[in-house]
């Protein structure tokens, strides 16, 4: 709790500076982080005001940050029993944050919490599994924000680490297919470096999970 109180003071100062110099990107990010700190302290009204102020700024200045803050806002709304509104906010945020796998893993954990509060634990477990897939591919360490978010959702759902290896493999292969599709889009737009990155990540996923056909297809994309 003390660290969030301290963060509020620092973020307020940073927000004032960003406004003085006309830095809209940092204004939005600092405002959103301020809202997150208020949320962690259960100051829901101040948190909601700050997040709703930050999101439209970040929609223009930093869409990925807007997605992060939508994930936090959705969880806040779910805690206030505004589930349908929370689901709408999640849908908008997911499109913004999905390309960033680390942030997307944390977003999926927030989504899982919302689904749990809705009473839909099957969907919450699915979100948890998807977050685990991303964490496995990113090779996150136990003290990382991603790992901690996963652990928090595991605790809420009442289990530690069930055997979900088959489901993890299936979802990992879906992720690899998504990367191939994204890489093809980037290549069509002549964005060769991002395209190659997508294809190489797909190769690694297919190789790790023993899909030789998929690996061959992905390697062919790298060669082209």
C-alpha atoms as a PDB file:
ATOM      1  CA  UNK A   1       0.000   0.000   0.000  1.00  0.00           C
ATOM      2  CA  UNK A   2       2.821   2.397   0.842  1.00  0.00           C
ATOM      3  CA  UNK A   3       4.372   2.045  -2.586  1.00  0.00           C
ATOM      4  CA  UNK A   4       1.087   2.994  -4.267  1.00  0.00           C
ATOM      5  CA  UNK A   5       0.724   6.052  -2.030  1.00  0.00           C
ATOM      6  CA  UNK A   6       4.249   7.088  -2.966  1.00  0.00           C
ATOM      7  CA  UNK A   7       3.553   6.429  -6.637  1.00  0.00           C
ATOM      8  CA  UNK A   8       0.521   8.738  -6.540  1.00  0.00           C
ATOM      9  CA  UNK A   9       2.716  11.648  -5.435  1.00  0.00           C
ATOM     10  CA  UNK A  10       5.350  10.974  -8.072  1.00  0.00           C
ATOM     11  CA  UNK A  11       2.806  10.448 -10.848  1.00  0.00           C
ATOM     12  CA  UNK A  12       0.927  13.628  -9.939  1.00  0.00           C
ATOM     13  CA  UNK A  13       4.142  15.629 -10.279  1.00  0.00           C
ATOM     14  CA  UNK A  14       5.022  13.906 -13.565  1.00  0.00           C
ATOM     15  CA  UNK A  15       1.506  14.569 -14.858  1.00  0.00           C
ATOM     16  CA  UNK A  16       1.773  18.275 -14.091  1.00  0.00           C
ATOM     17  CA  UNK A  17       5.113  18.488 -15.911  1.00  0.00           C
ATOM     18  CA  UNK A  18       3.760  16.652 -18.961  1.00  0.00           C
ATOM     19  CA  UNK A  19       0.835  19.057 -19.146  1.00  0.00           C
ATOM     20  CA  UNK A  20       3.108  22.097 -18.801  1.00  0.00           C
ATOM     21  CA  UNK A  21       5.289  21.029 -21.727  1.00  0.00           C
ATOM     22  CA  UNK A  22       2.397  19.771 -23.859  1.00  0.00           C
ATOM     23  CA  UNK A  23       3.557  16.136 -23.840  1.00  0.00           C
ATOM     24  CA  UNK A  24       0.264  14.366 -24.525  1.00  0.00           C
ATOM     25  CA  UNK A  25       1.743  10.864 -24.596  1.00  0.00           C
ATOM     26  CA  UNK A  26       3.248  11.090 -21.119  1.00  0.00           C
ATOM     27  CA  UNK A  27       0.213  12.999 -19.882  1.00  0.00           C
ATOM     28  CA  UNK A  28      -1.979  10.053 -20.862  1.00  0.00           C
ATOM     29  CA  UNK A  29       0.387   7.394 -19.525  1.00  0.00           C
ATOM     30  CA  UNK A  30       0.932   9.160 -16.198  1.00  0.00           C
ATOM     31  CA  UNK A  31      -2.805   9.729 -15.812  1.00  0.00           C
ATOM     32  CA  UNK A  32      -3.492   6.053 -16.529  1.00  0.00           C
ATOM     33  CA  UNK A  33      -0.817   4.895 -14.092  1.00  0.00           C
ATOM     34  CA  UNK A  34      -2.304   7.240 -11.515  1.00  0.00           C
ATOM     35  CA  UNK A  35      -5.670   5.560 -12.062  1.00  0.00           C
ATOM     36  CA  UNK A  36      -4.053   2.149 -11.644  1.00  0.00           C
ATOM     37  CA  UNK A  37      -2.514   3.218  -8.326  1.00  0.00           C
ATOM     38  CA  UNK A  38      -5.885   4.499  -7.110  1.00  0.00           C
ATOM     39  CA  UNK A  39      -7.426   1.176  -8.144  1.00  0.00           C
ATOM     40  CA  UNK A  40      -4.818  -0.797  -6.191  1.00  0.00           C
ATOM     41  CA  UNK A  41      -5.778   1.274  -3.133  1.00  0.00           C
ATOM     42  CA  UNK A  42      -9.505   0.579  -3.765  1.00  0.00           C
ATOM     43  CA  UNK A  43     -10.196   4.263  -4.423  1.00  0.00           C
ATOM     44  CA  UNK A  44     -12.528   3.274  -7.207  1.00  0.00           C
ATOM     45  CA  UNK A  45     -14.113   6.634  -8.021  1.00  0.00           C
ATOM     46  CA  UNK A  46     -10.780   8.425  -8.406  1.00  0.00           C
ATOM     47  CA  UNK A  47      -9.414   5.454 -10.314  1.00  0.00           C
ATOM     48  CA  UNK A  48     -12.292   5.431 -12.778  1.00  0.00           C
ATOM     49  CA  UNK A  49     -12.056   9.184 -13.359  1.00  0.00           C
ATOM     50  CA  UNK A  50      -8.312   8.975 -14.022  1.00  0.00           C
ATOM     51  CA  UNK A  51      -8.564   5.951 -16.326  1.00  0.00           C
ATOM     52  CA  UNK A  52     -11.417   7.441 -18.334  1.00  0.00           C
ATOM     53  CA  UNK A  53      -9.389  10.622 -18.763  1.00  0.00           C
ATOM     54  CA  UNK A  54      -6.260   8.727 -19.791  1.00  0.00           C
ATOM     55  CA  UNK A  55      -7.777   6.340 -22.314  1.00  0.00           C
ATOM     56  CA  UNK A  56      -8.889   8.822 -25.017  1.00  0.00           C
ATOM     57  CA  UNK A  57      -5.539  10.609 -24.766  1.00  0.00           C
ATOM     58  CA  UNK A  58      -3.663   7.325 -25.197  1.00  0.00           C
ATOM     59  CA  UNK A  59      -5.966   6.213 -28.025  1.00  0.00           C
ATOM     60  CA  UNK A  60      -4.182   8.855 -30.102  1.00  0.00           C
ATOM     61  CA  UNK A  61      -0.783   9.094 -28.411  1.00  0.00           C
ATOM     62  CA  UNK A  62      -0.122   5.482 -27.307  1.00  0.00           C
ATOM     63  CA  UNK A  63      -2.764   2.904 -28.328  1.00  0.00           C
ATOM     64  CA  UNK A  64      -0.997   0.038 -26.547  1.00  0.00           C
ATOM     65  CA  UNK A  65      -1.142   1.987 -23.260  1.00  0.00           C
ATOM     66  CA  UNK A  66      -4.826   2.655 -23.916  1.00  0.00           C
ATOM     67  CA  UNK A  67      -5.324  -1.107 -24.134  1.00  0.00           C
ATOM     68  CA  UNK A  68      -3.521  -1.617 -20.818  1.00  0.00           C
ATOM     69  CA  UNK A  69      -5.681   0.977 -19.098  1.00  0.00           C
ATOM     70  CA  UNK A  70      -8.856  -0.496 -20.595  1.00  0.00           C
ATOM     71  CA  UNK A  71      -7.893  -3.807 -18.985  1.00  0.00           C
ATOM     72  CA  UNK A  72      -7.603  -2.106 -15.597  1.00  0.00           C
ATOM     73  CA  UNK A  73     -10.823  -0.153 -16.105  1.00  0.00           C
ATOM     74  CA  UNK A  74     -12.687  -3.334 -17.037  1.00  0.00           C
ATOM     75  CA  UNK A  75     -11.561  -5.021 -13.827  1.00  0.00           C
ATOM     76  CA  UNK A  76     -12.613  -1.971 -11.829  1.00  0.00           C
ATOM     77  CA  UNK A  77     -16.052  -1.979 -13.453  1.00  0.00           C
ATOM     78  CA  UNK A  78     -16.447  -5.684 -12.736  1.00  0.00           C
ATOM     79  CA  UNK A  79     -15.695  -5.040  -9.066  1.00  0.00           C
ATOM     80  CA  UNK A  80     -18.527  -2.504  -9.153  1.00  0.00           C
ATOM     81  CA  UNK A  81     -20.896  -5.122 -10.658  1.00  0.00           C
ATOM     82  CA  UNK A  82     -20.940  -3.387 -14.056  1.00  0.00           C
ATOM     83  CA  UNK A  83     -20.082  -6.579 -15.900  1.00  0.00           C
ATOM     84  CA  UNK A  84     -21.558  -5.811 -19.320  1.00  0.00           C
ATOM     85  CA  UNK A  85     -19.776  -2.469 -19.428  1.00  0.00           C
ATOM     86  CA  UNK A  86     -16.562  -4.202 -18.376  1.00  0.00           C
ATOM     87  CA  UNK A  87     -16.881  -6.720 -21.236  1.00  0.00           C
ATOM     88  CA  UNK A  88     -17.357  -3.908 -23.770  1.00  0.00           C
ATOM     89  CA  UNK A  89     -14.235  -2.167 -22.469  1.00  0.00           C
ATOM     90  CA  UNK A  90     -12.261  -5.429 -22.674  1.00  0.00           C
ATOM     91  CA  UNK A  91     -13.304  -5.988 -26.278  1.00  0.00           C
ATOM     92  CA  UNK A  92     -12.003  -2.572 -27.309  1.00  0.00           C
ATOM     93  CA  UNK A  93      -8.774  -2.934 -25.343  1.00  0.00           C
ATOM     94  CA  UNK A  94      -7.894  -6.420 -26.554  1.00  0.00           C
ATOM     95  CA  UNK A  95      -7.461  -5.261 -30.144  1.00  0.00           C
ATOM     96  CA  UNK A  96      -5.030  -2.561 -29.031  1.00  0.00           C
ATOM     97  CA  UNK A  97      -2.847  -4.695 -26.803  1.00  0.00           C
ATOM     98  CA  UNK A  98      -2.728  -8.069 -28.548  1.00  0.00           C
ATOM     99  CA  UNK A  99       0.449  -7.351 -30.581  1.00  0.00           C
ATOM    100  CA  UNK A 100       2.449  -6.846 -27.352  1.00  0.00           C
ATOM    101  CA  UNK A 101       2.609 -10.376 -25.935  1.00  0.00           C
ATOM    102  CA  UNK A 102       3.874  -9.429 -22.469  1.00  0.00           C
ATOM    103  CA  UNK A 103       1.192  -6.834 -21.891  1.00  0.00           C
ATOM    104  CA  UNK A 104      -1.372  -9.094 -23.534  1.00  0.00           C
ATOM    105  CA  UNK A 105      -0.619 -11.854 -21.026  1.00  0.00           C
ATOM    106  CA  UNK A 106      -1.374  -9.452 -18.167  1.00  0.00           C
ATOM    107  CA  UNK A 107      -4.481  -8.228 -19.986  1.00  0.00           C
ATOM    108  CA  UNK A 108      -5.709 -11.817 -20.265  1.00  0.00           C
ATOM    109  CA  UNK A 109      -5.329 -12.159 -16.510  1.00  0.00           C
ATOM    110  CA  UNK A 110      -7.498  -9.081 -15.992  1.00  0.00           C
ATOM    111  CA  UNK A 111      -9.961 -10.576 -18.445  1.00  0.00           C
ATOM    112  CA  UNK A 112      -9.943 -13.797 -16.431  1.00  0.00           C
ATOM    113  CA  UNK A 113     -10.740 -11.877 -13.243  1.00  0.00           C
ATOM    114  CA  UNK A 114     -13.682 -10.186 -14.983  1.00  0.00           C
ATOM    115  CA  UNK A 115     -14.956 -13.547 -16.225  1.00  0.00           C
ATOM    116  CA  UNK A 116     -14.629 -14.982 -12.715  1.00  0.00           C
ATOM    117  CA  UNK A 117     -16.593 -12.082 -11.233  1.00  0.00           C
ATOM    118  CA  UNK A 118     -19.221 -12.724 -13.897  1.00  0.00           C
ATOM    119  CA  UNK A 119     -19.434 -16.317 -12.662  1.00  0.00           C
ATOM    120  CA  UNK A 120     -17.926 -17.789 -15.822  1.00  0.00           C
ATOM    121  CA  UNK A 121     -14.968 -19.762 -14.474  1.00  0.00           C
ATOM    122  CA  UNK A 122     -14.639 -21.907 -17.617  1.00  0.00           C
ATOM    123  CA  UNK A 123     -13.847 -18.794 -19.641  1.00  0.00           C
ATOM    124  CA  UNK A 124     -11.612 -17.499 -16.844  1.00  0.00           C
ATOM    125  CA  UNK A 125      -9.585 -20.725 -16.945  1.00  0.00           C
ATOM    126  CA  UNK A 126      -9.301 -20.402 -20.717  1.00  0.00           C
ATOM    127  CA  UNK A 127      -7.928 -16.868 -20.330  1.00  0.00           C
ATOM    128  CA  UNK A 128      -5.493 -18.160 -17.709  1.00  0.00           C
ATOM    129  CA  UNK A 129      -4.283 -20.899 -20.048  1.00  0.00           C
ATOM    130  CA  UNK A 130      -3.739 -18.407 -22.865  1.00  0.00           C
ATOM    131  CA  UNK A 131      -1.754 -16.182 -20.482  1.00  0.00           C
ATOM    132  CA  UNK A 132       0.347 -19.201 -19.475  1.00  0.00           C
ATOM    133  CA  UNK A 133       1.074 -19.987 -23.121  1.00  0.00           C
ATOM    134  CA  UNK A 134       2.390 -16.482 -23.668  1.00  0.00           C
ATOM    135  CA  UNK A 135       4.397 -16.589 -20.431  1.00  0.00           C
ATOM    136  CA  UNK A 136       5.960 -19.881 -21.517  1.00  0.00           C
ATOM    137  CA  UNK A 137       6.900 -18.504 -24.925  1.00  0.00           C
ATOM    138  CA  UNK A 138       8.310 -15.310 -23.358  1.00  0.00           C
ATOM    139  CA  UNK A 139      10.236 -17.338 -20.756  1.00  0.00           C
ATOM    140  CA  UNK A 140       9.248 -14.921 -17.977  1.00  0.00           C
ATOM    141  CA  UNK A 141      10.843 -15.250 -14.547  1.00  0.00           C
ATOM    142  CA  UNK A 142       8.831 -15.869 -11.392  1.00  0.00           C
ATOM    143  CA  UNK A 143       9.160 -12.281 -10.132  1.00  0.00           C
ATOM    144  CA  UNK A 144       7.983 -10.675 -13.366  1.00  0.00           C
ATOM    145  CA  UNK A 145       4.715  -8.763 -13.586  1.00  0.00           C
ATOM    146  CA  UNK A 146       3.378 -11.385 -15.996  1.00  0.00           C
ATOM    147  CA  UNK A 147       4.128 -14.264 -13.600  1.00  0.00           C
ATOM    148  CA  UNK A 148       2.625 -12.391 -10.663  1.00  0.00           C
ATOM    149  CA  UNK A 149      -0.546 -11.618 -12.625  1.00  0.00           C
ATOM    150  CA  UNK A 150      -0.879 -15.299 -13.520  1.00  0.00           C
ATOM    151  CA  UNK A 151      -0.336 -16.342  -9.905  1.00  0.00           C
ATOM    152  CA  UNK A 152      -3.013 -13.918  -8.707  1.00  0.00           C
ATOM    153  CA  UNK A 153      -5.552 -15.350 -11.151  1.00  0.00           C
ATOM    154  CA  UNK A 154      -4.583 -18.914 -10.226  1.00  0.00           C
ATOM    155  CA  UNK A 155      -5.222 -18.088  -6.579  1.00  0.00           C
ATOM    156  CA  UNK A 156      -8.627 -16.558  -7.330  1.00  0.00           C
ATOM    157  CA  UNK A 157      -9.624 -19.602  -9.364  1.00  0.00           C
ATOM    158  CA  UNK A 158      -8.527 -21.888  -6.551  1.00  0.00           C
ATOM    159  CA  UNK A 159      -5.782 -23.961  -8.099  1.00  0.00           C
ATOM    160  CA  UNK A 160      -2.045 -23.836  -8.552  1.00  0.00           C
ATOM    161  CA  UNK A 161      -0.858 -25.594 -11.687  1.00  0.00           C
ATOM    162  CA  UNK A 162      -3.139 -28.264 -13.163  1.00  0.00           C
ATOM    163  CA  UNK A 163      -1.997 -30.363 -16.071  1.00  0.00           C
ATOM    164  CA  UNK A 164      -3.034 -28.342 -19.070  1.00  0.00           C
ATOM    165  CA  UNK A 165      -0.200 -29.392 -21.362  1.00  0.00           C
ATOM    166  CA  UNK A 166      -2.468 -30.470 -24.241  1.00  0.00           C
ATOM    167  CA  UNK A 167      -4.457 -27.259 -24.085  1.00  0.00           C
ATOM    168  CA  UNK A 168      -1.277 -25.200 -23.833  1.00  0.00           C
ATOM    169  CA  UNK A 169       0.103 -26.940 -26.938  1.00  0.00           C
ATOM    170  CA  UNK A 170      -3.105 -26.336 -28.879  1.00  0.00           C
ATOM    171  CA  UNK A 171      -3.209 -22.674 -27.964  1.00  0.00           C
ATOM    172  CA  UNK A 172       0.494 -22.269 -28.686  1.00  0.00           C
ATOM    173  CA  UNK A 173      -0.040 -23.607 -32.197  1.00  0.00           C
ATOM    174  CA  UNK A 174      -2.941 -21.202 -32.661  1.00  0.00           C
ATOM    175  CA  UNK A 175      -0.590 -18.398 -31.626  1.00  0.00           C
ATOM    176  CA  UNK A 176       1.959 -19.598 -34.186  1.00  0.00           C
ATOM    177  CA  UNK A 177      -0.673 -19.556 -36.928  1.00  0.00           C
ATOM    178  CA  UNK A 178      -1.629 -16.027 -35.876  1.00  0.00           C
ATOM    179  CA  UNK A 179       2.013 -14.976 -36.145  1.00  0.00           C
ATOM    180  CA  UNK A 180       2.232 -16.433 -39.653  1.00  0.00           C
ATOM    181  CA  UNK A 181      -0.852 -14.475 -40.671  1.00  0.00           C
ATOM    182  CA  UNK A 182       0.462 -11.277 -39.086  1.00  0.00           C
ATOM    183  CA  UNK A 183       3.840 -11.782 -40.760  1.00  0.00           C
ATOM    184  CA  UNK A 184       2.165 -12.195 -44.151  1.00  0.00           C
ATOM    185  CA  UNK A 185       0.275  -8.940 -43.629  1.00  0.00           C
ATOM    186  CA  UNK A 186       3.482  -7.118 -42.668  1.00  0.00           C
ATOM    187  CA  UNK A 187       5.303  -8.531 -45.702  1.00  0.00           C
ATOM    188  CA  UNK A 188       2.482  -7.487 -48.025  1.00  0.00           C
ATOM    189  CA  UNK A 189       2.916  -3.964 -46.682  1.00  0.00           C
ATOM    190  CA  UNK A 190       6.667  -4.216 -47.318  1.00  0.00           C
ATOM    191  CA  UNK A 191       7.427  -4.160 -43.575  1.00  0.00           C
ATOM    192  CA  UNK A 192      10.095  -6.820 -43.931  1.00  0.00           C
ATOM    193  CA  UNK A 193      11.744  -6.661 -40.512  1.00  0.00           C
ATOM    194  CA  UNK A 194       8.503  -7.060 -38.477  1.00  0.00           C
ATOM    195  CA  UNK A 195       7.408  -9.784 -40.919  1.00  0.00           C
ATOM    196  CA  UNK A 196      10.648 -11.738 -40.404  1.00  0.00           C
ATOM    197  CA  UNK A 197      10.299 -11.394 -36.635  1.00  0.00           C
ATOM    198  CA  UNK A 198       6.790 -12.890 -36.768  1.00  0.00           C
ATOM    199  CA  UNK A 199       7.908 -15.773 -38.969  1.00  0.00           C
ATOM    200  CA  UNK A 200      10.904 -16.593 -36.756  1.00  0.00           C
ATOM    201  CA  UNK A 201       8.743 -16.606 -33.624  1.00  0.00           C
ATOM    202  CA  UNK A 202       6.321 -18.950 -35.386  1.00  0.00           C
ATOM    203  CA  UNK A 203       9.188 -21.291 -36.337  1.00  0.00           C
ATOM    204  CA  UNK A 204      10.280 -21.465 -32.697  1.00  0.00           C
ATOM    205  CA  UNK A 205       6.760 -22.222 -31.441  1.00  0.00           C
ATOM    206  CA  UNK A 206       6.150 -24.925 -34.047  1.00  0.00           C
ATOM    207  CA  UNK A 207       9.570 -26.457 -33.340  1.00  0.00           C
ATOM    208  CA  UNK A 208       9.071 -26.429 -29.576  1.00  0.00           C
ATOM    209  CA  UNK A 209       5.691 -28.156 -29.790  1.00  0.00           C
ATOM    210  CA  UNK A 210       6.711 -30.735 -32.377  1.00  0.00           C
ATOM    211  CA  UNK A 211       4.615 -29.527 -35.331  1.00  0.00           C
ATOM    212  CA  UNK A 212       6.980 -30.313 -38.191  1.00  0.00           C
ATOM    213  CA  UNK A 213       4.499 -29.336 -40.899  1.00  0.00           C
ATOM    214  CA  UNK A 214       3.929 -25.949 -39.310  1.00  0.00           C
ATOM    215  CA  UNK A 215       7.650 -25.491 -38.739  1.00  0.00           C
ATOM    216  CA  UNK A 216       8.343 -26.245 -42.407  1.00  0.00           C
ATOM    217  CA  UNK A 217       5.712 -23.762 -43.513  1.00  0.00           C
ATOM    218  CA  UNK A 218       7.107 -21.069 -41.218  1.00  0.00           C
ATOM    219  CA  UNK A 219      10.675 -21.704 -42.351  1.00  0.00           C
ATOM    220  CA  UNK A 220       9.478 -21.358 -45.936  1.00  0.00           C
ATOM    221  CA  UNK A 221       8.096 -17.935 -45.057  1.00  0.00           C
ATOM    222  CA  UNK A 222      11.450 -16.963 -43.532  1.00  0.00           C
ATOM    223  CA  UNK A 223      13.226 -18.080 -46.701  1.00  0.00           C
ATOM    224  CA  UNK A 224      10.929 -16.003 -48.887  1.00  0.00           C
END
